[in-house]
Amino acid sequence: MYALRISLLVSLVTATPAAADHGGALRSAPMSPLTAALLFAGLALLVGAVVIVVFRVLTKGR
């Protein structure tokens, strides 16, 4: 238990902030993060629905 606390403390102290500021073309993204998240969530939902429909059609006779 003591070793776990020490290792967590060491990892927090040695962690450095990420350099997340992208230069160049990525600086001004074409979509906001919220729009991108909603778009990809909708696409994932659509793909899941298509997989379920295909599975139901292929296993209908069993």
N, C-alpha and C. Protein backbone atom coordinates (compact mmCIF):
# COMPACT_ATOMS: atom_id res chain seq x y z
N MET A 1 0.83 -1.19 0.00
CA MET A 1 0.00 0.00 0.00
C MET A 1 0.88 1.25 0.00
N TYR A 2 1.93 1.21 0.81
CA TYR A 2 2.84 2.34 0.89
C TYR A 2 3.59 2.55 -0.43
N ALA A 3 3.97 1.42 -1.07
CA ALA A 3 4.69 1.50 -2.34
C ALA A 3 3.80 2.08 -3.43
N LEU A 4 2.52 1.77 -3.38
CA LEU A 4 1.58 2.31 -4.36
C LEU A 4 1.48 3.83 -4.23
N ARG A 5 1.39 4.30 -3.02
CA ARG A 5 1.32 5.75 -2.81
C ARG A 5 2.59 6.45 -3.27
N ILE A 6 3.72 5.83 -3.00
CA ILE A 6 4.99 6.42 -3.43
C ILE A 6 5.06 6.45 -4.96
N SER A 7 4.66 5.37 -5.61
CA SER A 7 4.74 5.34 -7.07
C SER A 7 3.77 6.35 -7.70
N LEU A 8 2.58 6.52 -7.11
CA LEU A 8 1.66 7.52 -7.63
C LEU A 8 2.21 8.92 -7.45
N LEU A 9 2.80 9.18 -6.31
CA LEU A 9 3.39 10.49 -6.05
C LEU A 9 4.53 10.78 -7.00
N VAL A 10 5.37 9.80 -7.25
CA VAL A 10 6.50 9.98 -8.17
C VAL A 10 6.00 10.22 -9.58
N SER A 11 4.98 9.50 -10.00
CA SER A 11 4.47 9.69 -11.36
C SER A 11 3.80 11.05 -11.52
N LEU A 12 3.16 11.55 -10.48
CA LEU A 12 2.56 12.88 -10.56
C LEU A 12 3.61 13.98 -10.58
N VAL A 13 4.68 13.79 -9.85
CA VAL A 13 5.73 14.80 -9.80
C VAL A 13 6.51 14.85 -11.11
N THR A 14 6.77 13.69 -11.69
CA THR A 14 7.60 13.64 -12.90
C THR A 14 6.81 13.89 -14.17
N ALA A 15 5.49 13.90 -14.12
CA ALA A 15 4.70 14.12 -15.33
C ALA A 15 4.84 15.57 -15.78
N THR A 16 5.00 15.73 -17.06
CA THR A 16 5.11 17.08 -17.62
C THR A 16 3.88 17.36 -18.47
N PRO A 17 3.51 18.61 -18.60
CA PRO A 17 2.33 18.93 -19.42
C PRO A 17 2.58 18.61 -20.89
N ALA A 18 1.54 18.19 -21.56
CA ALA A 18 1.64 17.84 -22.97
C ALA A 18 1.67 19.10 -23.82
N ALA A 19 2.40 19.04 -24.89
CA ALA A 19 2.46 20.16 -25.83
C ALA A 19 1.34 19.97 -26.84
N ALA A 20 0.16 20.45 -26.51
CA ALA A 20 -1.02 20.18 -27.33
C ALA A 20 -1.34 21.30 -28.30
N ASP A 21 -0.51 22.31 -28.36
CA ASP A 21 -0.77 23.40 -29.29
C ASP A 21 -0.17 23.05 -30.64
N HIS A 22 -1.04 22.68 -31.56
CA HIS A 22 -0.58 22.29 -32.89
C HIS A 22 -0.36 23.53 -33.74
N GLY A 23 0.70 23.55 -34.45
CA GLY A 23 0.97 24.66 -35.34
C GLY A 23 0.46 24.37 -36.74
N GLY A 24 0.52 25.33 -37.57
CA GLY A 24 0.18 25.16 -38.97
C GLY A 24 -1.31 25.06 -39.22
N ALA A 25 -1.67 24.13 -40.08
CA ALA A 25 -3.07 24.01 -40.52
C ALA A 25 -4.00 23.55 -39.41
N LEU A 26 -3.48 22.87 -38.41
CA LEU A 26 -4.34 22.36 -37.35
C LEU A 26 -4.70 23.44 -36.32
N ARG A 27 -4.07 24.59 -36.40
CA ARG A 27 -4.34 25.63 -35.43
C ARG A 27 -5.80 26.11 -35.52
N SER A 28 -6.32 26.28 -36.72
CA SER A 28 -7.72 26.69 -36.89
C SER A 28 -8.49 25.51 -37.46
N ALA A 29 -9.07 24.72 -36.60
CA ALA A 29 -9.79 23.53 -37.01
C ALA A 29 -11.06 23.92 -37.76
N PRO A 30 -11.46 23.11 -38.73
CA PRO A 30 -12.66 23.44 -39.50
C PRO A 30 -13.96 23.29 -38.71
N MET A 31 -13.97 22.45 -37.68
CA MET A 31 -15.17 22.24 -36.86
C MET A 31 -14.82 22.42 -35.40
N SER A 32 -15.82 22.77 -34.63
CA SER A 32 -15.61 22.84 -33.20
C SER A 32 -15.54 21.42 -32.64
N PRO A 33 -14.91 21.22 -31.51
CA PRO A 33 -14.84 19.87 -30.93
C PRO A 33 -16.21 19.28 -30.62
N LEU A 34 -17.16 20.12 -30.21
CA LEU A 34 -18.50 19.62 -29.92
C LEU A 34 -19.17 19.11 -31.19
N THR A 35 -19.02 19.85 -32.29
CA THR A 35 -19.61 19.43 -33.55
C THR A 35 -18.99 18.11 -34.03
N ALA A 36 -17.68 18.00 -33.92
CA ALA A 36 -17.01 16.77 -34.32
C ALA A 36 -17.46 15.59 -33.46
N ALA A 37 -17.59 15.81 -32.15
CA ALA A 37 -18.03 14.73 -31.25
C ALA A 37 -19.44 14.28 -31.59
N LEU A 38 -20.34 15.22 -31.83
CA LEU A 38 -21.72 14.86 -32.18
C LEU A 38 -21.78 14.14 -33.52
N LEU A 39 -20.98 14.60 -34.48
CA LEU A 39 -20.96 13.96 -35.79
C LEU A 39 -20.48 12.52 -35.70
N PHE A 40 -19.36 12.30 -35.01
CA PHE A 40 -18.82 10.95 -34.91
C PHE A 40 -19.68 10.05 -34.02
N ALA A 41 -20.34 10.59 -33.03
CA ALA A 41 -21.26 9.79 -32.22
C ALA A 41 -22.45 9.35 -33.06
N GLY A 42 -22.96 10.24 -33.88
CA GLY A 42 -24.07 9.88 -34.78
C GLY A 42 -23.66 8.83 -35.79
N LEU A 43 -22.44 8.96 -36.32
CA LEU A 43 -21.96 7.96 -37.27
C LEU A 43 -21.77 6.60 -36.60
N ALA A 44 -21.28 6.60 -35.37
CA ALA A 44 -21.10 5.34 -34.65
C ALA A 44 -22.45 4.68 -34.36
N LEU A 45 -23.45 5.49 -34.02
CA LEU A 45 -24.79 4.96 -33.80
C LEU A 45 -25.36 4.37 -35.09
N LEU A 46 -25.15 5.05 -36.20
CA LEU A 46 -25.63 4.57 -37.49
C LEU A 46 -24.96 3.26 -37.87
N VAL A 47 -23.67 3.16 -37.68
CA VAL A 47 -22.95 1.93 -37.99
C VAL A 47 -23.44 0.79 -37.11
N GLY A 48 -23.68 1.05 -35.85
CA GLY A 48 -24.21 0.02 -34.95
C GLY A 48 -25.58 -0.46 -35.39
N ALA A 49 -26.44 0.47 -35.82
CA ALA A 49 -27.77 0.09 -36.28
C ALA A 49 -27.67 -0.75 -37.55
N VAL A 50 -26.77 -0.40 -38.45
CA VAL A 50 -26.60 -1.17 -39.69
C VAL A 50 -26.10 -2.57 -39.38
N VAL A 51 -25.18 -2.70 -38.44
CA VAL A 51 -24.67 -4.02 -38.06
C VAL A 51 -25.79 -4.87 -37.48
N ILE A 52 -26.62 -4.30 -36.64
CA ILE A 52 -27.74 -5.04 -36.05
C ILE A 52 -28.73 -5.47 -37.13
N VAL A 53 -29.05 -4.58 -38.07
CA VAL A 53 -29.99 -4.93 -39.15
C VAL A 53 -29.43 -6.04 -40.02
N VAL A 54 -28.16 -5.96 -40.38
CA VAL A 54 -27.54 -7.01 -41.20
C VAL A 54 -27.53 -8.33 -40.45
N PHE A 55 -27.22 -8.30 -39.17
CA PHE A 55 -27.21 -9.53 -38.37
C PHE A 55 -28.61 -10.15 -38.31
N ARG A 56 -29.63 -9.31 -38.11
CA ARG A 56 -31.01 -9.82 -38.04
C ARG A 56 -31.45 -10.41 -39.37
N VAL A 57 -31.06 -9.78 -40.47
CA VAL A 57 -31.44 -10.29 -41.79
C VAL A 57 -30.74 -11.62 -42.07
N LEU A 58 -29.48 -11.73 -41.72
CA LEU A 58 -28.73 -12.94 -42.01
C LEU A 58 -29.14 -14.11 -41.12
N THR A 59 -29.66 -13.85 -39.94
CA THR A 59 -30.04 -14.93 -39.02
C THR A 59 -31.56 -15.08 -38.91
N LYS A 60 -32.29 -14.57 -39.88
CA LYS A 60 -33.75 -14.59 -39.80
C LYS A 60 -34.32 -16.01 -39.91
N GLY A 61 -33.75 -16.86 -40.71
CA GLY A 61 -34.29 -18.19 -40.92
C GLY A 61 -33.95 -19.19 -39.84
N ARG A 62 -33.18 -18.87 -38.90
CA ARG A 62 -32.76 -19.84 -37.87
C ARG A 62 -33.70 -19.91 -36.73
